[in-house]
C-alpha cells in the first residue's frame, strides 16, 4: 500500500511540472469558420454568429463602414469586354504593344484579377493581370468590372448616373457630361448598332456639345449615305428626341418598337452592363420610336458612361 501511495504522489508531481509553471494552453482552431475573410453578398443581412476564439493578431480583420457611394462593388473581379467574338485580347509580357504576346484571352473570358498598379503607355492604362495560370499585361480598355446583374439593376448610383446624363443633354452641359465619361477610358458611340463605333476620349470627351470636330459615324439606314459631322450635329438631335422624353426603362434588356431590322448590341458589348431608355411611338403606325442603350462601367471606385447606342425603326 505504501508503494502505491508513493507511485500516485510521483504521478501527481510529474503532471504538475516544475514549480512556478503552468501547463501550456491547447490551441483552439474554429471548425465552422475557416481562418479567411468572408464577405457576405451585398445587401445580405449580417446574421449574428457565435464568437469564435480570438484569432492571431496577424489575421485580425475588422470590417469598416464603406466610404464610397452606395451600393459599392467590393468583388474586384474583371472580365474581357469590347472584343469581338472572332478576336482575342492579347496578353503581353510588359505594359505596351512593344512587348511580346505571351497569351491570349477569349472575348468571353471572366475571372480576371488585376494584380498591381497600372502603367500609362501612349495614353492607355496597361494593367498586370492573372487568370488561372496566365500572367501578363493587358490594355485596361478591354477589361470591365464583372458586376452581377441583380446588383447592377438595383444600384441607385446607376439611376443617378442616367439622370445626370439626361440633365447634361438637356442643358448641353459640357462640364457635366465630361465628368460622366472616364478621362482615359473614354466613350464609344454608335448611330446604329451595326455601324462602327466612334471612340472619343481625353479632351474631346470633355467638350462634346461645343466641339466642332467632325467624325465619320458610318452610313444611314436605307439610303446608305455617309453620316459625317460633329457630336452636336449628329448625335445630340437623337439624344434630345429619344433620350430626354423616354418613358420606359429596361435593365440588361433593349426595349424597342416595331422594326424590320435586328435589335442587338454591337459585338463584344454584352459583357458590360447597360440600361435602355425607350420612347414609344406617338402615332398609330408604331414606327416612330427611339431607344438609347447606355453602357455603364464601374472603374476606379465609381460608375462611368461606357457606350451609347441608338436604335430606331429600320427598313
C-alpha atoms as a PDB file:
ATOM      1  CA  UNK A   1       0.000   0.000   0.000  1.00  0.00           C
ATOM      2  CA  UNK A   2       2.862   2.453   0.828  1.00  0.00           C
ATOM      3  CA  UNK A   3       4.412   1.723  -2.556  1.00  0.00           C
ATOM      4  CA  UNK A   4       1.078   2.531  -4.225  1.00  0.00           C
ATOM      5  CA  UNK A   5       0.829   5.868  -2.376  1.00  0.00           C
ATOM      6  CA  UNK A   6       4.386   6.785  -3.405  1.00  0.00           C
ATOM      7  CA  UNK A   7       3.592   5.902  -7.011  1.00  0.00           C
ATOM      8  CA  UNK A   8       0.481   8.191  -7.018  1.00  0.00           C
ATOM      9  CA  UNK A   9       2.484  11.028  -5.463  1.00  0.00           C
ATOM     10  CA  UNK A  10       5.115  10.664  -8.171  1.00  0.00           C
ATOM     11  CA  UNK A  11       2.466  10.830 -10.912  1.00  0.00           C
ATOM     12  CA  UNK A  12       0.980  13.997  -9.376  1.00  0.00           C
ATOM     13  CA  UNK A  13       4.388  15.728  -9.292  1.00  0.00           C
ATOM     14  CA  UNK A  14       5.130  14.821 -12.901  1.00  0.00           C
ATOM     15  CA  UNK A  15       1.751  16.111 -14.138  1.00  0.00           C
ATOM     16  CA  UNK A  16       2.137  19.446 -12.341  1.00  0.00           C
ATOM     17  CA  UNK A  17       5.633  20.139 -13.766  1.00  0.00           C
ATOM     18  CA  UNK A  18       8.282  22.303 -12.139  1.00  0.00           C
ATOM     19  CA  UNK A  19       7.192  24.818  -9.511  1.00  0.00           C
ATOM     20  CA  UNK A  20       6.023  28.232 -10.899  1.00  0.00           C
ATOM     21  CA  UNK A  21       4.997  26.913 -14.383  1.00  0.00           C
ATOM     22  CA  UNK A  22       1.550  26.210 -15.729  1.00  0.00           C
ATOM     23  CA  UNK A  23       0.567  23.758 -18.416  1.00  0.00           C
ATOM     24  CA  UNK A  24       0.571  25.190 -21.990  1.00  0.00           C
ATOM     25  CA  UNK A  25      -2.939  26.094 -23.283  1.00  0.00           C
ATOM     26  CA  UNK A  26      -4.361  23.945 -26.048  1.00  0.00           C
ATOM     27  CA  UNK A  27      -4.633  25.802 -29.455  1.00  0.00           C
ATOM     28  CA  UNK A  28      -8.318  26.098 -30.296  1.00  0.00           C
ATOM     29  CA  UNK A  29      -8.966  26.186 -34.082  1.00  0.00           C
ATOM     30  CA  UNK A  30     -12.513  27.031 -35.176  1.00  0.00           C
ATOM     31  CA  UNK A  31     -14.063  24.314 -37.286  1.00  0.00           C
ATOM     32  CA  UNK A  32     -17.192  26.013 -38.603  1.00  0.00           C
ATOM     33  CA  UNK A  33     -15.458  29.107 -39.988  1.00  0.00           C
ATOM     34  CA  UNK A  34     -12.065  28.826 -41.740  1.00  0.00           C
ATOM     35  CA  UNK A  35      -9.460  31.482 -40.902  1.00  0.00           C
ATOM     36  CA  UNK A  36     -10.177  33.581 -44.006  1.00  0.00           C
ATOM     37  CA  UNK A  37     -12.123  36.771 -44.605  1.00  0.00           C
ATOM     38  CA  UNK A  38     -15.723  36.024 -45.565  1.00  0.00           C
ATOM     39  CA  UNK A  39     -17.501  38.859 -47.394  1.00  0.00           C
ATOM     40  CA  UNK A  40     -21.290  38.392 -47.478  1.00  0.00           C
ATOM     41  CA  UNK A  41     -23.176  39.311 -50.666  1.00  0.00           C
ATOM     42  CA  UNK A  42     -24.038  42.990 -50.975  1.00  0.00           C
ATOM     43  CA  UNK A  43     -27.409  43.663 -49.403  1.00  0.00           C
ATOM     44  CA  UNK A  44     -27.387  40.440 -47.403  1.00  0.00           C
ATOM     45  CA  UNK A  45     -28.234  40.626 -43.712  1.00  0.00           C
ATOM     46  CA  UNK A  46     -25.394  40.290 -41.225  1.00  0.00           C
ATOM     47  CA  UNK A  47     -26.691  37.457 -39.081  1.00  0.00           C
ATOM     48  CA  UNK A  48     -25.159  37.074 -35.667  1.00  0.00           C
ATOM     49  CA  UNK A  49     -22.873  34.069 -35.246  1.00  0.00           C
ATOM     50  CA  UNK A  50     -21.218  32.585 -32.175  1.00  0.00           C
ATOM     51  CA  UNK A  51     -17.993  34.396 -31.284  1.00  0.00           C
ATOM     52  CA  UNK A  52     -15.025  32.217 -32.337  1.00  0.00           C
ATOM     53  CA  UNK A  53     -11.820  32.003 -30.310  1.00  0.00           C
ATOM     54  CA  UNK A  54      -9.677  35.174 -30.696  1.00  0.00           C
ATOM     55  CA  UNK A  55      -7.662  34.997 -33.944  1.00  0.00           C
ATOM     56  CA  UNK A  56      -3.964  35.589 -34.165  1.00  0.00           C
ATOM     57  CA  UNK A  57      -3.116  39.306 -34.403  1.00  0.00           C
ATOM     58  CA  UNK A  58      -1.839  38.962 -37.967  1.00  0.00           C
ATOM     59  CA  UNK A  59      -5.188  37.540 -39.130  1.00  0.00           C
ATOM     60  CA  UNK A  60      -7.431  40.014 -37.341  1.00  0.00           C
ATOM     61  CA  UNK A  61      -9.564  41.833 -39.956  1.00  0.00           C
ATOM     62  CA  UNK A  62     -12.067  44.366 -38.683  1.00  0.00           C
ATOM     63  CA  UNK A  63     -14.656  45.460 -41.258  1.00  0.00           C
ATOM     64  CA  UNK A  64     -15.211  49.203 -41.520  1.00  0.00           C
ATOM     65  CA  UNK A  65     -18.013  51.267 -42.965  1.00  0.00           C
ATOM     66  CA  UNK A  66     -17.894  51.670 -46.745  1.00  0.00           C
ATOM     67  CA  UNK A  67     -16.508  55.106 -47.627  1.00  0.00           C
ATOM     68  CA  UNK A  68     -17.522  55.044 -51.304  1.00  0.00           C
ATOM     69  CA  UNK A  69     -21.000  55.798 -52.771  1.00  0.00           C
ATOM     70  CA  UNK A  70     -23.699  53.216 -52.178  1.00  0.00           C
ATOM     71  CA  UNK A  71     -24.007  50.439 -53.151  1.00  0.00           C
ATOM     72  CA  UNK A  72     -20.373  49.610 -53.862  1.00  0.00           C
ATOM     73  CA  UNK A  73     -18.777  46.842 -55.882  1.00  0.00           C
ATOM     74  CA  UNK A  74     -16.455  45.038 -53.491  1.00  0.00           C
ATOM     75  CA  UNK A  75     -15.656  41.946 -55.508  1.00  0.00           C
ATOM     76  CA  UNK A  76     -12.977  43.244 -57.853  1.00  0.00           C
ATOM     77  CA  UNK A  77     -13.316  40.554 -60.479  1.00  0.00           C
ATOM     78  CA  UNK A  78     -12.947  41.584 -64.096  1.00  0.00           C
ATOM     79  CA  UNK A  79     -13.864  40.198 -67.482  1.00  0.00           C
ATOM     80  CA  UNK A  80     -12.908  40.874 -71.082  1.00  0.00           C
ATOM     81  CA  UNK A  81     -15.133  43.374 -72.901  1.00  0.00           C
ATOM     82  CA  UNK A  82     -15.336  45.151 -76.270  1.00  0.00           C
ATOM     83  CA  UNK A  83     -13.547  42.308 -78.045  1.00  0.00           C
ATOM     84  CA  UNK A  84     -15.476  40.842 -80.981  1.00  0.00           C
ATOM     85  CA  UNK A  85     -16.397  37.171 -80.983  1.00  0.00           C
ATOM     86  CA  UNK A  86     -13.858  36.369 -83.699  1.00  0.00           C
ATOM     87  CA  UNK A  87     -10.969  38.079 -81.905  1.00  0.00           C
ATOM     88  CA  UNK A  88      -8.947  37.715 -78.695  1.00  0.00           C
ATOM     89  CA  UNK A  89      -7.342  40.043 -76.151  1.00  0.00           C
ATOM     90  CA  UNK A  90      -3.558  39.979 -76.298  1.00  0.00           C
ATOM     91  CA  UNK A  91      -1.721  39.437 -73.021  1.00  0.00           C
ATOM     92  CA  UNK A  92       1.811  40.807 -73.202  1.00  0.00           C
ATOM     93  CA  UNK A  93       4.957  40.326 -71.172  1.00  0.00           C
ATOM     94  CA  UNK A  94       5.017  44.000 -70.228  1.00  0.00           C
ATOM     95  CA  UNK A  95       2.939  47.195 -70.458  1.00  0.00           C
ATOM     96  CA  UNK A  96       2.536  48.265 -74.082  1.00  0.00           C
ATOM     97  CA  UNK A  97       2.464  46.842 -77.588  1.00  0.00           C
ATOM     98  CA  UNK A  98       6.270  46.818 -77.719  1.00  0.00           C
ATOM     99  CA  UNK A  99       6.266  43.721 -75.507  1.00  0.00           C
ATOM    100  CA  UNK A 100       5.750  40.228 -76.892  1.00  0.00           C
ATOM    101  CA  UNK A 101       2.404  38.444 -76.733  1.00  0.00           C
ATOM    102  CA  UNK A 102       2.608  35.671 -74.148  1.00  0.00           C
ATOM    103  CA  UNK A 103      -1.023  34.562 -74.134  1.00  0.00           C
ATOM    104  CA  UNK A 104      -4.491  35.473 -75.395  1.00  0.00           C
ATOM    105  CA  UNK A 105      -7.789  35.842 -73.553  1.00  0.00           C
ATOM    106  CA  UNK A 106     -11.077  34.796 -75.162  1.00  0.00           C
ATOM    107  CA  UNK A 107     -13.691  37.545 -75.738  1.00  0.00           C
ATOM    108  CA  UNK A 108     -15.930  35.932 -73.102  1.00  0.00           C
ATOM    109  CA  UNK A 109     -13.165  35.379 -70.529  1.00  0.00           C
ATOM    110  CA  UNK A 110     -14.082  36.012 -66.898  1.00  0.00           C
ATOM    111  CA  UNK A 111     -12.311  35.660 -63.558  1.00  0.00           C
ATOM    112  CA  UNK A 112      -9.545  38.090 -64.479  1.00  0.00           C
ATOM    113  CA  UNK A 113      -7.747  39.612 -61.500  1.00  0.00           C
ATOM    114  CA  UNK A 114      -5.742  42.847 -61.519  1.00  0.00           C
ATOM    115  CA  UNK A 115      -2.564  42.126 -59.565  1.00  0.00           C
ATOM    116  CA  UNK A 116      -0.912  45.535 -59.285  1.00  0.00           C
ATOM    117  CA  UNK A 117      -0.791  49.159 -60.324  1.00  0.00           C
ATOM    118  CA  UNK A 118      -1.292  50.202 -63.923  1.00  0.00           C
ATOM    119  CA  UNK A 119       1.174  51.931 -66.227  1.00  0.00           C
ATOM    120  CA  UNK A 120       0.120  54.576 -68.771  1.00  0.00           C
ATOM    121  CA  UNK A 121       1.634  53.958 -72.210  1.00  0.00           C
ATOM    122  CA  UNK A 122       0.651  56.127 -75.197  1.00  0.00           C
ATOM    123  CA  UNK A 123      -2.482  57.320 -73.417  1.00  0.00           C
ATOM    124  CA  UNK A 124      -3.719  53.841 -72.425  1.00  0.00           C
ATOM    125  CA  UNK A 125      -3.524  52.272 -68.977  1.00  0.00           C
ATOM    126  CA  UNK A 126      -1.949  48.817 -69.010  1.00  0.00           C
ATOM    127  CA  UNK A 127      -2.709  46.571 -66.052  1.00  0.00           C
ATOM    128  CA  UNK A 128      -0.915  43.467 -64.731  1.00  0.00           C
ATOM    129  CA  UNK A 129      -3.401  40.609 -64.628  1.00  0.00           C
ATOM    130  CA  UNK A 130      -3.789  36.991 -63.640  1.00  0.00           C
ATOM    131  CA  UNK A 131      -6.324  34.463 -64.896  1.00  0.00           C
ATOM    132  CA  UNK A 132      -5.707  30.887 -63.818  1.00  0.00           C
ATOM    133  CA  UNK A 133      -2.082  30.133 -64.685  1.00  0.00           C
ATOM    134  CA  UNK A 134      -1.899  33.102 -67.035  1.00  0.00           C
ATOM    135  CA  UNK A 135       0.167  36.154 -66.062  1.00  0.00           C
ATOM    136  CA  UNK A 136       0.862  39.288 -68.085  1.00  0.00           C
ATOM    137  CA  UNK A 137      -0.269  42.784 -69.049  1.00  0.00           C
ATOM    138  CA  UNK A 138      -3.374  43.914 -70.949  1.00  0.00           C
ATOM    139  CA  UNK A 139      -4.819  47.216 -72.115  1.00  0.00           C
ATOM    140  CA  UNK A 140      -7.409  48.059 -69.433  1.00  0.00           C
ATOM    141  CA  UNK A 141      -9.723  49.480 -72.085  1.00  0.00           C
ATOM    142  CA  UNK A 142     -10.690  45.893 -72.843  1.00  0.00           C
ATOM    143  CA  UNK A 143     -11.496  44.945 -69.259  1.00  0.00           C
ATOM    144  CA  UNK A 144     -14.617  45.731 -67.282  1.00  0.00           C
ATOM    145  CA  UNK A 145     -15.686  45.005 -63.718  1.00  0.00           C
ATOM    146  CA  UNK A 146     -17.829  41.882 -63.553  1.00  0.00           C
ATOM    147  CA  UNK A 147     -20.987  43.052 -61.744  1.00  0.00           C
ATOM    148  CA  UNK A 148     -23.891  40.651 -61.009  1.00  0.00           C
ATOM    149  CA  UNK A 149     -26.981  41.696 -62.952  1.00  0.00           C
ATOM    150  CA  UNK A 150     -29.286  41.914 -59.928  1.00  0.00           C
ATOM    151  CA  UNK A 151     -26.820  44.131 -58.095  1.00  0.00           C
ATOM    152  CA  UNK A 152     -26.352  46.432 -61.076  1.00  0.00           C
ATOM    153  CA  UNK A 153     -30.073  46.816 -61.785  1.00  0.00           C
ATOM    154  CA  UNK A 154     -30.836  47.685 -58.144  1.00  0.00           C
ATOM    155  CA  UNK A 155     -27.995  50.168 -57.757  1.00  0.00           C
ATOM    156  CA  UNK A 156     -29.260  53.702 -57.126  1.00  0.00           C
ATOM    157  CA  UNK A 157     -25.876  55.065 -58.208  1.00  0.00           C
ATOM    158  CA  UNK A 158     -26.649  53.838 -61.743  1.00  0.00           C
ATOM    159  CA  UNK A 159     -30.004  55.633 -61.633  1.00  0.00           C
ATOM    160  CA  UNK A 160     -28.257  58.845 -60.597  1.00  0.00           C
ATOM    161  CA  UNK A 161     -25.748  58.495 -63.429  1.00  0.00           C
ATOM    162  CA  UNK A 162     -28.545  58.169 -66.025  1.00  0.00           C
ATOM    163  CA  UNK A 163     -30.345  61.191 -64.542  1.00  0.00           C
ATOM    164  CA  UNK A 164     -27.121  63.233 -64.751  1.00  0.00           C
ATOM    165  CA  UNK A 165     -26.732  62.224 -68.393  1.00  0.00           C
ATOM    166  CA  UNK A 166     -30.230  63.480 -69.150  1.00  0.00           C
ATOM    167  CA  UNK A 167     -29.512  66.731 -67.310  1.00  0.00           C
ATOM    168  CA  UNK A 168     -26.283  67.222 -69.254  1.00  0.00           C
ATOM    169  CA  UNK A 169     -28.100  66.684 -72.573  1.00  0.00           C
ATOM    170  CA  UNK A 170     -30.998  68.949 -71.635  1.00  0.00           C
ATOM    171  CA  UNK A 171     -28.623  71.765 -70.693  1.00  0.00           C
ATOM    172  CA  UNK A 172     -25.958  70.961 -73.290  1.00  0.00           C
ATOM    173  CA  UNK A 173     -23.559  70.994 -70.363  1.00  0.00           C
ATOM    174  CA  UNK A 174     -20.027  70.081 -71.473  1.00  0.00           C
ATOM    175  CA  UNK A 175     -18.614  70.079 -67.940  1.00  0.00           C
ATOM    176  CA  UNK A 176     -21.257  67.732 -66.527  1.00  0.00           C
ATOM    177  CA  UNK A 177     -21.107  65.302 -69.430  1.00  0.00           C
ATOM    178  CA  UNK A 178     -17.313  65.318 -69.228  1.00  0.00           C
ATOM    179  CA  UNK A 179     -17.494  64.270 -65.577  1.00  0.00           C
ATOM    180  CA  UNK A 180     -19.596  61.245 -66.524  1.00  0.00           C
ATOM    181  CA  UNK A 181     -17.010  59.956 -69.025  1.00  0.00           C
ATOM    182  CA  UNK A 182     -13.793  58.394 -67.773  1.00  0.00           C
ATOM    183  CA  UNK A 183     -10.959  60.696 -68.937  1.00  0.00           C
ATOM    184  CA  UNK A 184      -8.782  57.803 -70.145  1.00  0.00           C
ATOM    185  CA  UNK A 185     -11.252  55.035 -70.984  1.00  0.00           C
ATOM    186  CA  UNK A 186     -13.487  57.388 -72.966  1.00  0.00           C
ATOM    187  CA  UNK A 187     -16.858  56.549 -74.519  1.00  0.00           C
ATOM    188  CA  UNK A 188     -17.964  54.589 -77.602  1.00  0.00           C
ATOM    189  CA  UNK A 189     -20.936  55.940 -79.590  1.00  0.00           C
ATOM    190  CA  UNK A 190     -22.972  54.192 -82.319  1.00  0.00           C
ATOM    191  CA  UNK A 191     -25.624  55.761 -84.553  1.00  0.00           C
ATOM    192  CA  UNK A 192     -26.790  52.203 -85.297  1.00  0.00           C
ATOM    193  CA  UNK A 193     -25.502  49.074 -83.609  1.00  0.00           C
ATOM    194  CA  UNK A 194     -24.098  47.816 -86.898  1.00  0.00           C
ATOM    195  CA  UNK A 195     -22.105  50.976 -87.630  1.00  0.00           C
ATOM    196  CA  UNK A 196     -18.559  51.198 -86.365  1.00  0.00           C
ATOM    197  CA  UNK A 197     -18.075  52.881 -83.011  1.00  0.00           C
ATOM    198  CA  UNK A 198     -16.775  56.411 -82.764  1.00  0.00           C
ATOM    199  CA  UNK A 199     -14.416  56.274 -79.794  1.00  0.00           C
ATOM    200  CA  UNK A 200     -13.987  59.610 -78.024  1.00  0.00           C
ATOM    201  CA  UNK A 201     -11.773  60.251 -75.006  1.00  0.00           C
ATOM    202  CA  UNK A 202      -9.470  62.785 -73.418  1.00  0.00           C
ATOM    203  CA  UNK A 203     -10.021  66.486 -74.039  1.00  0.00           C
ATOM    204  CA  UNK A 204     -12.592  65.857 -76.811  1.00  0.00           C
ATOM    205  CA  UNK A 205     -14.830  63.952 -74.378  1.00  0.00           C
ATOM    206  CA  UNK A 206     -14.831  66.995 -72.099  1.00  0.00           C
ATOM    207  CA  UNK A 207     -16.446  69.326 -74.694  1.00  0.00           C
ATOM    208  CA  UNK A 208     -18.713  67.221 -76.849  1.00  0.00           C
ATOM    209  CA  UNK A 209     -21.554  69.739 -77.112  1.00  0.00           C
ATOM    210  CA  UNK A 210     -19.350  72.648 -78.119  1.00  0.00           C
ATOM    211  CA  UNK A 211     -16.756  70.796 -80.196  1.00  0.00           C
ATOM    212  CA  UNK A 212     -16.777  71.249 -83.963  1.00  0.00           C
ATOM    213  CA  UNK A 213     -14.658  68.135 -84.545  1.00  0.00           C
ATOM    214  CA  UNK A 214     -16.210  66.075 -87.340  1.00  0.00           C
ATOM    215  CA  UNK A 215     -16.442  62.278 -87.164  1.00  0.00           C
ATOM    216  CA  UNK A 216     -17.372  59.505 -89.572  1.00  0.00           C
ATOM    217  CA  UNK A 217     -20.385  57.864 -87.903  1.00  0.00           C
ATOM    218  CA  UNK A 218     -20.956  55.239 -90.603  1.00  0.00           C
ATOM    219  CA  UNK A 219     -23.820  55.053 -93.101  1.00  0.00           C
ATOM    220  CA  UNK A 220     -27.522  55.833 -92.860  1.00  0.00           C
ATOM    221  CA  UNK A 221     -30.107  53.065 -92.903  1.00  0.00           C
ATOM    222  CA  UNK A 222     -31.910  52.800 -96.225  1.00  0.00           C
ATOM    223  CA  UNK A 223     -30.030  55.444 -98.235  1.00  0.00           C
ATOM    224  CA  UNK A 224     -26.549  54.170 -97.416  1.00  0.00           C
ATOM    225  CA  UNK A 225     -25.307  57.757 -97.393  1.00  0.00           C
ATOM    226  CA  UNK A 226     -22.370  58.601 -95.125  1.00  0.00           C
ATOM    227  CA  UNK A 227     -23.088  60.152 -91.755  1.00  0.00           C
ATOM    228  CA  UNK A 228     -20.444  62.799 -91.121  1.00  0.00           C
ATOM    229  CA  UNK A 229     -20.472  65.651 -88.634  1.00  0.00           C
ATOM    230  CA  UNK A 230     -19.824  66.723 -85.084  1.00  0.00           C
ATOM    231  CA  UNK A 231     -21.384  65.210 -81.971  1.00  0.00           C
ATOM    232  CA  UNK A 232     -23.705  68.228 -81.731  1.00  0.00           C
ATOM    233  CA  UNK A 233     -24.789  67.844 -85.362  1.00  0.00           C
ATOM    234  CA  UNK A 234     -25.315  64.076 -85.496  1.00  0.00           C
ATOM    235  CA  UNK A 235     -25.808  62.633 -82.003  1.00  0.00           C
ATOM    236  CA  UNK A 236     -27.345  65.476 -79.990  1.00  0.00           C
ATOM    237  CA  UNK A 237     -30.608  65.666 -82.045  1.00  0.00           C
ATOM    238  CA  UNK A 238     -31.237  61.943 -81.463  1.00  0.00           C
ATOM    239  CA  UNK A 239     -30.486  62.330 -77.748  1.00  0.00           C
ATOM    240  CA  UNK A 240     -32.904  65.243 -77.453  1.00  0.00           C
ATOM    241  CA  UNK A 241     -35.614  63.456 -79.451  1.00  0.00           C
ATOM    242  CA  UNK A 242     -35.367  59.995 -77.851  1.00  0.00           C
ATOM    243  CA  UNK A 243     -33.388  60.116 -74.590  1.00  0.00           C
ATOM    244  CA  UNK A 244     -34.992  63.106 -72.871  1.00  0.00           C
ATOM    245  CA  UNK A 245     -38.679  62.145 -73.370  1.00  0.00           C
ATOM    246  CA  UNK A 246     -38.081  58.388 -72.856  1.00  0.00           C
ATOM    247  CA  UNK A 247     -40.852  56.937 -70.701  1.00  0.00           C
ATOM    248  CA  UNK A 248     -39.731  53.329 -70.287  1.00  0.00           C
ATOM    249  CA  UNK A 249     -36.543  51.915 -68.804  1.00  0.00           C
ATOM    250  CA  UNK A 250     -35.008  48.480 -69.186  1.00  0.00           C
ATOM    251  CA  UNK A 251     -32.041  46.973 -67.383  1.00  0.00           C
ATOM    252  CA  UNK A 252     -29.957  44.464 -69.341  1.00  0.00           C
ATOM    253  CA  UNK A 253     -32.805  44.474 -71.873  1.00  0.00           C
ATOM    254  CA  UNK A 254     -33.186  46.545 -75.052  1.00  0.00           C
ATOM    255  CA  UNK A 255     -36.707  47.963 -75.091  1.00  0.00           C
ATOM    256  CA  UNK A 256     -37.826  48.890 -78.621  1.00  0.00           C
ATOM    257  CA  UNK A 257     -40.722  49.223 -81.044  1.00  0.00           C
ATOM    258  CA  UNK A 258     -41.521  47.650 -84.390  1.00  0.00           C
ATOM    259  CA  UNK A 259     -38.683  47.370 -86.899  1.00  0.00           C
ATOM    260  CA  UNK A 260     -37.615  45.349 -89.888  1.00  0.00           C
ATOM    261  CA  UNK A 261     -34.041  45.264 -88.646  1.00  0.00           C
ATOM    262  CA  UNK A 262     -32.304  43.367 -85.880  1.00  0.00           C
ATOM    263  CA  UNK A 263     -32.094  44.825 -82.386  1.00  0.00           C
ATOM    264  CA  UNK A 264     -28.927  43.716 -80.651  1.00  0.00           C
ATOM    265  CA  UNK A 265     -25.768  45.056 -79.045  1.00  0.00           C
ATOM    266  CA  UNK A 266     -22.572  45.550 -81.043  1.00  0.00           C
ATOM    267  CA  UNK A 267     -20.345  42.502 -80.879  1.00  0.00           C
ATOM    268  CA  UNK A 268     -18.367  42.418 -77.632  1.00  0.00           C
ATOM    269  CA  UNK A 269     -20.575  44.901 -75.761  1.00  0.00           C
ATOM    270  CA  UNK A 270     -22.769  42.400 -73.947  1.00  0.00           C
ATOM    271  CA  UNK A 271     -20.102  41.908 -71.257  1.00  0.00           C
ATOM    272  CA  UNK A 272     -20.603  45.452 -69.911  1.00  0.00           C
ATOM    273  CA  UNK A 273     -23.929  46.139 -68.125  1.00  0.00           C
ATOM    274  CA  UNK A 274     -26.382  48.581 -69.668  1.00  0.00           C
ATOM    275  CA  UNK A 275     -29.637  50.484 -69.280  1.00  0.00           C
ATOM    276  CA  UNK A 276     -32.076  51.131 -72.156  1.00  0.00           C
ATOM    277  CA  UNK A 277     -34.321  54.204 -72.301  1.00  0.00           C
ATOM    278  CA  UNK A 278     -37.229  53.819 -74.717  1.00  0.00           C
ATOM    279  CA  UNK A 279     -39.520  56.457 -76.239  1.00  0.00           C
ATOM    280  CA  UNK A 280     -42.562  54.681 -77.684  1.00  0.00           C
ATOM    281  CA  UNK A 281     -44.089  55.821 -80.962  1.00  0.00           C
ATOM    282  CA  UNK A 282     -46.546  58.708 -80.656  1.00  0.00           C
ATOM    283  CA  UNK A 283     -48.592  57.713 -83.722  1.00  0.00           C
ATOM    284  CA  UNK A 284     -50.609  54.610 -84.526  1.00  0.00           C
ATOM    285  CA  UNK A 285     -48.063  53.277 -87.007  1.00  0.00           C
ATOM    286  CA  UNK A 286     -45.765  52.263 -84.149  1.00  0.00           C
ATOM    287  CA  UNK A 287     -42.695  53.077 -86.216  1.00  0.00           C
ATOM    288  CA  UNK A 288     -41.774  56.486 -84.821  1.00  0.00           C
ATOM    289  CA  UNK A 289     -39.934  55.261 -81.754  1.00  0.00           C
ATOM    290  CA  UNK A 290     -36.415  55.636 -80.434  1.00  0.00           C
ATOM    291  CA  UNK A 291     -34.182  53.906 -77.883  1.00  0.00           C
ATOM    292  CA  UNK A 292     -30.808  54.726 -76.382  1.00  0.00           C
ATOM    293  CA  UNK A 293     -28.796  51.954 -74.782  1.00  0.00           C
ATOM    294  CA  UNK A 294     -26.417  53.343 -72.187  1.00  0.00           C
ATOM    295  CA  UNK A 295     -23.450  51.198 -71.214  1.00  0.00           C
ATOM    296  CA  UNK A 296     -22.184  51.711 -67.678  1.00  0.00           C
ATOM    297  CA  UNK A 297     -18.888  50.623 -66.134  1.00  0.00           C
ATOM    298  CA  UNK A 298     -17.556  50.587 -62.580  1.00  0.00           C
ATOM    299  CA  UNK A 299     -13.959  51.761 -62.652  1.00  0.00           C
ATOM    300  CA  UNK A 300     -11.658  53.422 -60.115  1.00  0.00           C
ATOM    301  CA  UNK A 301     -14.332  53.435 -57.431  1.00  0.00           C
ATOM    302  CA  UNK A 302     -17.279  54.900 -59.349  1.00  0.00           C
ATOM    303  CA  UNK A 303     -19.598  54.424 -62.316  1.00  0.00           C
ATOM    304  CA  UNK A 304     -18.853  55.956 -65.718  1.00  0.00           C
ATOM    305  CA  UNK A 305     -20.627  56.071 -69.062  1.00  0.00           C
ATOM    306  CA  UNK A 306     -19.068  53.420 -71.269  1.00  0.00           C
ATOM    307  CA  UNK A 307     -21.031  53.458 -74.538  1.00  0.00           C
ATOM    308  CA  UNK A 308     -24.134  54.892 -76.225  1.00  0.00           C
ATOM    309  CA  UNK A 309     -26.033  53.021 -78.956  1.00  0.00           C
ATOM    310  CA  UNK A 310     -29.058  54.472 -80.776  1.00  0.00           C
ATOM    311  CA  UNK A 311     -31.943  52.361 -82.105  1.00  0.00           C
ATOM    312  CA  UNK A 312     -34.931  53.295 -84.247  1.00  0.00           C
ATOM    313  CA  UNK A 313     -37.155  51.852 -86.962  1.00  0.00           C
ATOM    314  CA  UNK A 314     -35.124  50.318 -89.789  1.00  0.00           C
ATOM    315  CA  UNK A 315     -36.234  49.478 -93.294  1.00  0.00           C
END
